[in-house]
Amino acid sequence: MALASEISIAGILASSAIAACFAELCTLPLDTAKVRLQLQKRAGEGSGKYRGLLGTVATIAKEEGLLALWKGIVPGLHRQCIYGGLRIGLYEPVKAFFAHTYYVGDGSLFTKVFAALVTGAIAIALANPTDLVKVRLQAEGKAGTPRRYDGAFNAYYTIVKQEGLAALWTGIVPNIARNAIINAAELASYDHLKEIILKLPGFTDTVLTHLIAGLGAGFFAVSIGSPVDVVKFPVPQYVKSVFK
């Protein structure tokens, strides 16, 4: 964040999108397992074949192949280019605008939270179609079960053709709530934690400082956003075939 003023907004958006895409590649298997566990519970199969995060990862890899853990990677990267780039890239400009307009100060926690809420809401409102397609692809089960989509672009096309353009924004209200809250918890806490750490003896603006602030912010964001994440999308009937 300290270097934000030295980089153009376009540069911040691009670097944020690249970083978000890299993170998506690394964490998607765990996200796929999370989606299967959530959908299994909502489909009425609370004690079904998926048990625990690592157990779900192992079951998916065994039944569907290791690459199945990266289902939804294409829309996932689409999502991160839009959502990841905008939520991070717009944070500093929005925070500065709000601080200077209402004279609340750049260092105010309220300023940070408000700016992150706004950028998170804007980003996911634009990225909701990619989020929807990603989850639908992740939800499709093992080989041999009916598949509705032949990849990400076919999913976009099929959803619009069969359900209408507005269907791409299914779940937009809880999705905005979830991502705005998580973005506020993550970016505001990261920004604030970093400032606190830098005031401690022996700490400077190094990778270690950013890592500690990032770990704390990530834990806080997940803890705050998890309840909203559970109700993010309604479960379509075809998802139940995953658990048969």
C-alpha atoms as a PDB file:
ATOM      1  CA  MET A   1       0.000   0.000   0.000  1.00  0.00           C
ATOM      2  CA  ALA A   2       2.905   2.334   0.738  1.00  0.00           C
ATOM      3  CA  LEU A   3       3.992   2.336  -2.879  1.00  0.00           C
ATOM      4  CA  ALA A   4       0.501   2.981  -4.255  1.00  0.00           C
ATOM      5  CA  SER A   5       1.177   6.675  -4.851  1.00  0.00           C
ATOM      6  CA  GLU A   6       4.284   5.809  -6.893  1.00  0.00           C
ATOM      7  CA  ILE A   7       2.432   3.542  -9.321  1.00  0.00           C
ATOM      8  CA  SER A   8      -0.273   4.546 -11.798  1.00  0.00           C
ATOM      9  CA  ILE A   9      -3.813   3.314 -11.254  1.00  0.00           C
ATOM     10  CA  ALA A  10      -3.484   1.154 -14.399  1.00  0.00           C
ATOM     11  CA  GLY A  11      -0.310  -0.367 -12.978  1.00  0.00           C
ATOM     12  CA  ILE A  12      -1.981  -1.075  -9.650  1.00  0.00           C
ATOM     13  CA  LEU A  13      -4.982  -2.703 -11.373  1.00  0.00           C
ATOM     14  CA  ALA A  14      -2.711  -4.877 -13.544  1.00  0.00           C
ATOM     15  CA  SER A  15      -0.405  -5.965 -10.729  1.00  0.00           C
ATOM     16  CA  SER A  16      -3.387  -6.650  -8.443  1.00  0.00           C
ATOM     17  CA  ALA A  17      -5.026  -8.814 -11.122  1.00  0.00           C
ATOM     18  CA  ILE A  18      -1.815 -10.792 -11.724  1.00  0.00           C
ATOM     19  CA  ALA A  19      -1.299 -11.387  -8.009  1.00  0.00           C
ATOM     20  CA  ALA A  20      -4.933 -12.435  -7.598  1.00  0.00           C
ATOM     21  CA  CYS A  21      -4.667 -14.878 -10.524  1.00  0.00           C
ATOM     22  CA  PHE A  22      -1.543 -16.464  -9.022  1.00  0.00           C
ATOM     23  CA  ALA A  23      -3.330 -16.869  -5.698  1.00  0.00           C
ATOM     24  CA  GLU A  24      -6.311 -18.450  -7.503  1.00  0.00           C
ATOM     25  CA  LEU A  25      -4.076 -21.063  -9.132  1.00  0.00           C
ATOM     26  CA  CYS A  26      -2.627 -22.012  -5.742  1.00  0.00           C
ATOM     27  CA  THR A  27      -5.830 -22.082  -3.699  1.00  0.00           C
ATOM     28  CA  LEU A  28      -8.481 -23.348  -6.153  1.00  0.00           C
ATOM     29  CA  PRO A  29      -8.276 -27.028  -5.002  1.00  0.00           C
ATOM     30  CA  LEU A  30      -9.229 -25.961  -1.483  1.00  0.00           C
ATOM     31  CA  ASP A  31     -11.972 -23.708  -2.847  1.00  0.00           C
ATOM     32  CA  THR A  32     -13.372 -26.572  -4.942  1.00  0.00           C
ATOM     33  CA  ALA A  33     -13.447 -28.776  -1.846  1.00  0.00           C
ATOM     34  CA  LYS A  34     -15.191 -26.015   0.111  1.00  0.00           C
ATOM     35  CA  VAL A  35     -17.860 -25.632  -2.588  1.00  0.00           C
ATOM     36  CA  ARG A  36     -18.533 -29.403  -2.652  1.00  0.00           C
ATOM     37  CA  LEU A  37     -18.861 -29.521   1.143  1.00  0.00           C
ATOM     38  CA  GLN A  38     -21.234 -26.566   1.222  1.00  0.00           C
ATOM     39  CA  LEU A  39     -23.397 -27.907  -1.599  1.00  0.00           C
ATOM     40  CA  GLN A  40     -23.458 -31.395  -0.098  1.00  0.00           C
ATOM     41  CA  LYS A  41     -24.832 -30.034   3.154  1.00  0.00           C
ATOM     42  CA  ARG A  42     -27.415 -27.873   1.385  1.00  0.00           C
ATOM     43  CA  ALA A  43     -28.473 -30.798  -0.803  1.00  0.00           C
ATOM     44  CA  GLY A  44     -29.397 -32.769   2.316  1.00  0.00           C
ATOM     45  CA  GLU A  45     -26.342 -35.025   2.348  1.00  0.00           C
ATOM     46  CA  GLY A  46     -24.633 -33.776   5.488  1.00  0.00           C
ATOM     47  CA  SER A  47     -22.988 -37.169   6.134  1.00  0.00           C
ATOM     48  CA  GLY A  48     -22.325 -37.964   2.488  1.00  0.00           C
ATOM     49  CA  LYS A  49     -19.122 -38.974   0.734  1.00  0.00           C
ATOM     50  CA  TYR A  50     -17.307 -35.677   1.338  1.00  0.00           C
ATOM     51  CA  ARG A  51     -15.921 -35.449   4.867  1.00  0.00           C
ATOM     52  CA  GLY A  52     -13.600 -32.695   5.922  1.00  0.00           C
ATOM     53  CA  LEU A  53     -11.542 -30.390   3.739  1.00  0.00           C
ATOM     54  CA  LEU A  54      -8.582 -32.677   3.102  1.00  0.00           C
ATOM     55  CA  GLY A  55     -10.858 -35.726   2.845  1.00  0.00           C
ATOM     56  CA  THR A  56     -12.871 -33.959   0.155  1.00  0.00           C
ATOM     57  CA  VAL A  57      -9.696 -33.046  -1.756  1.00  0.00           C
ATOM     58  CA  ALA A  58      -8.604 -36.713  -1.623  1.00  0.00           C
ATOM     59  CA  THR A  59     -12.040 -38.009  -2.715  1.00  0.00           C
ATOM     60  CA  ILE A  60     -12.240 -35.635  -5.693  1.00  0.00           C
ATOM     61  CA  ALA A  61      -8.703 -36.515  -6.803  1.00  0.00           C
ATOM     62  CA  LYS A  62      -9.393 -40.264  -6.477  1.00  0.00           C
ATOM     63  CA  GLU A  63     -12.779 -40.317  -8.216  1.00  0.00           C
ATOM     64  CA  GLU A  64     -12.357 -37.588 -10.826  1.00  0.00           C
ATOM     65  CA  GLY A  65      -8.617 -37.178 -11.255  1.00  0.00           C
ATOM     66  CA  LEU A  66      -6.181 -34.640  -9.858  1.00  0.00           C
ATOM     67  CA  LEU A  67      -7.067 -31.984 -12.448  1.00  0.00           C
ATOM     68  CA  ALA A  68     -10.681 -31.998 -11.235  1.00  0.00           C
ATOM     69  CA  LEU A  69      -9.470 -29.977  -8.248  1.00  0.00           C
ATOM     70  CA  TRP A  70      -8.879 -27.126 -10.684  1.00  0.00           C
ATOM     71  CA  LYS A  71     -12.394 -27.203 -12.136  1.00  0.00           C
ATOM     72  CA  GLY A  72     -13.531 -23.671 -12.739  1.00  0.00           C
ATOM     73  CA  ILE A  73     -10.001 -22.332 -13.186  1.00  0.00           C
ATOM     74  CA  VAL A  74     -10.862 -20.417 -16.382  1.00  0.00           C
ATOM     75  CA  PRO A  75     -13.798 -18.440 -14.907  1.00  0.00           C
ATOM     76  CA  GLY A  76     -11.776 -18.278 -11.692  1.00  0.00           C
ATOM     77  CA  LEU A  77      -9.045 -16.394 -13.542  1.00  0.00           C
ATOM     78  CA  HIS A  78     -11.690 -14.252 -15.241  1.00  0.00           C
ATOM     79  CA  ARG A  79     -13.039 -13.459 -11.785  1.00  0.00           C
ATOM     80  CA  GLN A  80      -9.673 -12.524 -10.354  1.00  0.00           C
ATOM     81  CA  CYS A  81      -8.798 -10.286 -13.304  1.00  0.00           C
ATOM     82  CA  ILE A  82     -11.992  -8.302 -12.673  1.00  0.00           C
ATOM     83  CA  TYR A  83     -12.673  -8.690  -8.961  1.00  0.00           C
ATOM     84  CA  GLY A  84      -9.087  -9.020  -7.747  1.00  0.00           C
ATOM     85  CA  GLY A  85      -7.863  -6.173  -9.894  1.00  0.00           C
ATOM     86  CA  LEU A  86     -10.657  -3.745  -9.026  1.00  0.00           C
ATOM     87  CA  ARG A  87     -11.033  -4.436  -5.309  1.00  0.00           C
ATOM     88  CA  ILE A  88      -7.333  -3.900  -4.629  1.00  0.00           C
ATOM     89  CA  GLY A  89      -6.555  -1.442  -7.390  1.00  0.00           C
ATOM     90  CA  LEU A  90      -9.353   0.964  -6.485  1.00  0.00           C
ATOM     91  CA  TYR A  91      -8.839   0.749  -2.728  1.00  0.00           C
ATOM     92  CA  GLU A  92      -6.195   3.468  -2.358  1.00  0.00           C
ATOM     93  CA  PRO A  93      -7.885   5.985  -4.741  1.00  0.00           C
ATOM     94  CA  VAL A  94     -11.284   5.483  -3.073  1.00  0.00           C
ATOM     95  CA  LYS A  95      -9.754   5.725   0.393  1.00  0.00           C
ATOM     96  CA  ALA A  96      -7.946   8.948  -0.542  1.00  0.00           C
ATOM     97  CA  PHE A  97     -11.085  10.410  -2.133  1.00  0.00           C
ATOM     98  CA  PHE A  98     -13.212   9.620   0.911  1.00  0.00           C
ATOM     99  CA  ALA A  99     -10.582  10.929   3.341  1.00  0.00           C
ATOM    100  CA  HIS A 100     -10.061  14.197   1.478  1.00  0.00           C
ATOM    101  CA  THR A 101     -13.749  14.766   0.782  1.00  0.00           C
ATOM    102  CA  TYR A 102     -14.986  14.211   4.339  1.00  0.00           C
ATOM    103  CA  TYR A 103     -11.778  15.158   6.170  1.00  0.00           C
ATOM    104  CA  VAL A 104     -11.668  11.948   8.214  1.00  0.00           C
ATOM    105  CA  GLY A 105      -7.966  11.258   7.666  1.00  0.00           C
ATOM    106  CA  ASP A 106      -6.115   8.593   5.691  1.00  0.00           C
ATOM    107  CA  GLY A 107      -5.240   6.675   8.857  1.00  0.00           C
ATOM    108  CA  SER A 108      -8.806   6.349  10.137  1.00  0.00           C
ATOM    109  CA  LEU A 109     -10.000   2.755  10.466  1.00  0.00           C
ATOM    110  CA  PHE A 110     -13.471   3.899   9.416  1.00  0.00           C
ATOM    111  CA  THR A 111     -12.017   5.339   6.200  1.00  0.00           C
ATOM    112  CA  LYS A 112     -10.280   2.055   5.402  1.00  0.00           C
ATOM    113  CA  VAL A 113     -13.365  -0.058   6.110  1.00  0.00           C
ATOM    114  CA  PHE A 114     -15.662   2.192   4.072  1.00  0.00           C
ATOM    115  CA  ALA A 115     -13.274   2.305   1.096  1.00  0.00           C
ATOM    116  CA  ALA A 116     -12.895  -1.483   1.119  1.00  0.00           C
ATOM    117  CA  LEU A 117     -16.670  -1.995   1.348  1.00  0.00           C
ATOM    118  CA  VAL A 118     -17.209   0.234  -1.683  1.00  0.00           C
ATOM    119  CA  THR A 119     -14.465  -1.319  -3.831  1.00  0.00           C
ATOM    120  CA  GLY A 120     -15.502  -4.862  -2.869  1.00  0.00           C
ATOM    121  CA  ALA A 121     -19.127  -4.183  -3.806  1.00  0.00           C
ATOM    122  CA  ILE A 122     -18.223  -2.566  -7.147  1.00  0.00           C
ATOM    123  CA  ALA A 123     -15.769  -5.313  -8.052  1.00  0.00           C
ATOM    124  CA  ILE A 124     -18.049  -8.270  -7.372  1.00  0.00           C
ATOM    125  CA  ALA A 125     -21.051  -6.578  -9.020  1.00  0.00           C
ATOM    126  CA  LEU A 126     -19.042  -6.622 -12.254  1.00  0.00           C
ATOM    127  CA  ALA A 127     -17.492 -10.045 -11.634  1.00  0.00           C
ATOM    128  CA  ASN A 128     -20.638 -11.925 -10.511  1.00  0.00           C
ATOM    129  CA  PRO A 129     -21.083 -13.811 -13.841  1.00  0.00           C
ATOM    130  CA  THR A 130     -17.564 -15.250 -13.539  1.00  0.00           C
ATOM    131  CA  ASP A 131     -18.211 -16.216  -9.915  1.00  0.00           C
ATOM    132  CA  LEU A 132     -21.452 -17.974 -10.861  1.00  0.00           C
ATOM    133  CA  VAL A 133     -19.853 -19.978 -13.678  1.00  0.00           C
ATOM    134  CA  LYS A 134     -16.877 -20.901 -11.521  1.00  0.00           C
ATOM    135  CA  VAL A 135     -19.086 -22.362  -8.785  1.00  0.00           C
ATOM    136  CA  ARG A 136     -21.290 -24.236 -11.257  1.00  0.00           C
ATOM    137  CA  LEU A 137     -18.263 -25.880 -12.863  1.00  0.00           C
ATOM    138  CA  GLN A 138     -16.815 -26.743  -9.462  1.00  0.00           C
ATOM    139  CA  ALA A 139     -20.122 -28.320  -8.467  1.00  0.00           C
ATOM    140  CA  GLU A 140     -20.183 -30.828 -11.332  1.00  0.00           C
ATOM    141  CA  GLY A 141     -19.281 -34.279 -10.079  1.00  0.00           C
ATOM    142  CA  LYS A 142     -17.356 -37.326 -11.144  1.00  0.00           C
ATOM    143  CA  ALA A 143     -17.019 -38.729 -14.636  1.00  0.00           C
ATOM    144  CA  GLY A 144     -20.158 -40.502 -15.806  1.00  0.00           C
ATOM    145  CA  THR A 145     -22.599 -38.051 -14.256  1.00  0.00           C
ATOM    146  CA  PRO A 146     -24.459 -35.667 -16.581  1.00  0.00           C
ATOM    147  CA  ARG A 147     -22.621 -32.441 -17.348  1.00  0.00           C
ATOM    148  CA  ARG A 148     -24.398 -29.273 -18.359  1.00  0.00           C
ATOM    149  CA  TYR A 149     -21.399 -27.318 -19.577  1.00  0.00           C
ATOM    150  CA  ASP A 150     -18.414 -28.017 -21.818  1.00  0.00           C
ATOM    151  CA  GLY A 151     -16.112 -25.464 -20.258  1.00  0.00           C
ATOM    152  CA  ALA A 152     -16.362 -21.879 -19.087  1.00  0.00           C
ATOM    153  CA  PHE A 153     -17.328 -20.127 -22.317  1.00  0.00           C
ATOM    154  CA  ASN A 154     -19.974 -22.753 -23.056  1.00  0.00           C
ATOM    155  CA  ALA A 155     -21.340 -22.178 -19.547  1.00  0.00           C
ATOM    156  CA  TYR A 156     -21.658 -18.419 -20.107  1.00  0.00           C
ATOM    157  CA  TYR A 157     -23.428 -19.058 -23.422  1.00  0.00           C
ATOM    158  CA  THR A 158     -25.717 -21.817 -22.086  1.00  0.00           C
ATOM    159  CA  ILE A 159     -26.788 -19.830 -19.036  1.00  0.00           C
ATOM    160  CA  VAL A 160     -27.692 -16.789 -21.128  1.00  0.00           C
ATOM    161  CA  LYS A 161     -29.489 -18.934 -23.740  1.00  0.00           C
ATOM    162  CA  GLN A 162     -31.476 -21.088 -21.314  1.00  0.00           C
ATOM    163  CA  GLU A 163     -31.967 -18.781 -18.338  1.00  0.00           C
ATOM    164  CA  GLY A 164     -31.553 -15.272 -19.718  1.00  0.00           C
ATOM    165  CA  LEU A 165     -28.854 -12.637 -19.330  1.00  0.00           C
ATOM    166  CA  ALA A 166     -30.011 -11.685 -15.838  1.00  0.00           C
ATOM    167  CA  ALA A 167     -29.266 -15.236 -14.645  1.00  0.00           C
ATOM    168  CA  LEU A 168     -25.552 -14.410 -14.735  1.00  0.00           C
ATOM    169  CA  TRP A 169     -26.232 -12.159 -11.759  1.00  0.00           C
ATOM    170  CA  THR A 170     -27.992 -14.872  -9.735  1.00  0.00           C
ATOM    171  CA  GLY A 171     -27.126 -14.457  -6.068  1.00  0.00           C
ATOM    172  CA  ILE A 172     -25.850 -10.918  -6.588  1.00  0.00           C
ATOM    173  CA  VAL A 173     -27.214  -9.567  -3.272  1.00  0.00           C
ATOM    174  CA  PRO A 174     -25.578 -12.115  -0.932  1.00  0.00           C
ATOM    175  CA  ASN A 175     -22.514 -12.097  -3.164  1.00  0.00           C
ATOM    176  CA  ILE A 176     -22.123  -8.333  -2.808  1.00  0.00           C
ATOM    177  CA  ALA A 177     -22.679  -8.646   0.934  1.00  0.00           C
ATOM    178  CA  ARG A 178     -20.106 -11.426   1.236  1.00  0.00           C
ATOM    179  CA  ASN A 179     -17.394  -9.882  -0.892  1.00  0.00           C
ATOM    180  CA  ALA A 180     -17.840  -6.344   0.395  1.00  0.00           C
ATOM    181  CA  ILE A 181     -17.590  -7.627   3.963  1.00  0.00           C
ATOM    182  CA  ILE A 182     -14.599  -9.861   3.229  1.00  0.00           C
ATOM    183  CA  ASN A 183     -12.858  -7.119   1.275  1.00  0.00           C
ATOM    184  CA  ALA A 184     -13.407  -4.661   4.113  1.00  0.00           C
ATOM    185  CA  ALA A 185     -12.180  -7.165   6.689  1.00  0.00           C
ATOM    186  CA  GLU A 186      -9.166  -8.115   4.592  1.00  0.00           C
ATOM    187  CA  LEU A 187      -7.916  -4.820   3.158  1.00  0.00           C
ATOM    188  CA  ALA A 188      -8.794  -2.616   6.116  1.00  0.00           C
ATOM    189  CA  SER A 189      -7.309  -5.037   8.647  1.00  0.00           C
ATOM    190  CA  TYR A 190      -4.201  -5.530   6.487  1.00  0.00           C
ATOM    191  CA  ASP A 191      -3.729  -1.782   6.147  1.00  0.00           C
ATOM    192  CA  HIS A 192      -4.290  -1.212   9.867  1.00  0.00           C
ATOM    193  CA  LEU A 193      -2.215  -4.187  11.039  1.00  0.00           C
ATOM    194  CA  LYS A 194       0.694  -3.079   8.888  1.00  0.00           C
ATOM    195  CA  GLU A 195       0.602   0.378  10.459  1.00  0.00           C
ATOM    196  CA  ILE A 196       0.568  -1.155  13.951  1.00  0.00           C
ATOM    197  CA  ILE A 197       3.432  -3.543  13.151  1.00  0.00           C
ATOM    198  CA  LEU A 198       5.564  -0.742  11.700  1.00  0.00           C
ATOM    199  CA  LYS A 199       5.285   1.089  15.022  1.00  0.00           C
ATOM    200  CA  LEU A 200       6.813  -1.890  16.867  1.00  0.00           C
ATOM    201  CA  PRO A 201      10.575  -1.813  17.593  1.00  0.00           C
ATOM    202  CA  GLY A 202      12.656  -3.616  14.977  1.00  0.00           C
ATOM    203  CA  PHE A 203      10.010  -3.726  12.239  1.00  0.00           C
ATOM    204  CA  THR A 204      10.401  -1.910   8.924  1.00  0.00           C
ATOM    205  CA  ASP A 205       8.488  -2.005   5.621  1.00  0.00           C
ATOM    206  CA  THR A 206       9.799  -5.452   4.589  1.00  0.00           C
ATOM    207  CA  VAL A 207       8.374  -8.663   3.185  1.00  0.00           C
ATOM    208  CA  LEU A 208       8.106 -10.074   6.736  1.00  0.00           C
ATOM    209  CA  THR A 209       5.935  -7.148   7.818  1.00  0.00           C
ATOM    210  CA  HIS A 210       3.637  -7.594   4.812  1.00  0.00           C
ATOM    211  CA  LEU A 211       3.487 -11.360   5.413  1.00  0.00           C
ATOM    212  CA  ILE A 212       2.472 -11.012   9.065  1.00  0.00           C
ATOM    213  CA  ALA A 213      -0.129  -8.362   8.224  1.00  0.00           C
ATOM    214  CA  GLY A 214      -1.420 -10.503   5.333  1.00  0.00           C
ATOM    215  CA  LEU A 215      -1.768 -13.642   7.475  1.00  0.00           C
ATOM    216  CA  GLY A 216      -3.670 -11.727  10.136  1.00  0.00           C
ATOM    217  CA  ALA A 217      -5.889 -10.039   7.558  1.00  0.00           C
ATOM    218  CA  GLY A 218      -6.637 -13.340   5.782  1.00  0.00           C
ATOM    219  CA  PHE A 219      -7.649 -15.062   9.024  1.00  0.00           C
ATOM    220  CA  PHE A 220      -9.842 -12.141  10.037  1.00  0.00           C
ATOM    221  CA  ALA A 221     -11.496 -11.924   6.600  1.00  0.00           C
ATOM    222  CA  VAL A 222     -12.373 -15.626   6.457  1.00  0.00           C
ATOM    223  CA  SER A 223     -13.747 -15.575  10.011  1.00  0.00           C
ATOM    224  CA  ILE A 224     -15.984 -12.592   9.229  1.00  0.00           C
ATOM    225  CA  GLY A 225     -17.089 -13.672   5.741  1.00  0.00           C
ATOM    226  CA  SER A 226     -17.721 -17.391   6.217  1.00  0.00           C
ATOM    227  CA  PRO A 227     -21.393 -17.131   7.364  1.00  0.00           C
ATOM    228  CA  VAL A 228     -22.328 -15.074   4.284  1.00  0.00           C
ATOM    229  CA  ASP A 229     -20.356 -17.425   2.043  1.00  0.00           C
ATOM    230  CA  VAL A 230     -22.644 -20.329   2.967  1.00  0.00           C
ATOM    231  CA  VAL A 231     -25.729 -18.575   1.552  1.00  0.00           C
ATOM    232  CA  LYS A 232     -23.996 -17.046  -1.477  1.00  0.00           C
ATOM    233  CA  PHE A 233     -25.733 -19.114  -4.171  1.00  0.00           C
ATOM    234  CA  PRO A 234     -29.009 -21.038  -4.309  1.00  0.00           C
ATOM    235  CA  VAL A 235     -28.439 -24.720  -5.073  1.00  0.00           C
ATOM    236  CA  PRO A 236     -29.954 -25.793  -8.416  1.00  0.00           C
ATOM    237  CA  GLN A 237     -31.537 -29.235  -8.575  1.00  0.00           C
ATOM    238  CA  TYR A 238     -28.891 -30.664 -10.910  1.00  0.00           C
ATOM    239  CA  VAL A 239     -26.222 -30.156  -8.216  1.00  0.00           C
ATOM    240  CA  LYS A 240     -27.783 -33.000  -6.219  1.00  0.00           C
ATOM    241  CA  SER A 241     -26.494 -35.423  -8.853  1.00  0.00           C
ATOM    242  CA  VAL A 242     -22.983 -34.727  -7.583  1.00  0.00           C
ATOM    243  CA  PHE A 243     -23.744 -36.542  -4.353  1.00  0.00           C
ATOM    244  CA  LYS A 244     -25.459 -39.642  -5.705  1.00  0.00           C
END
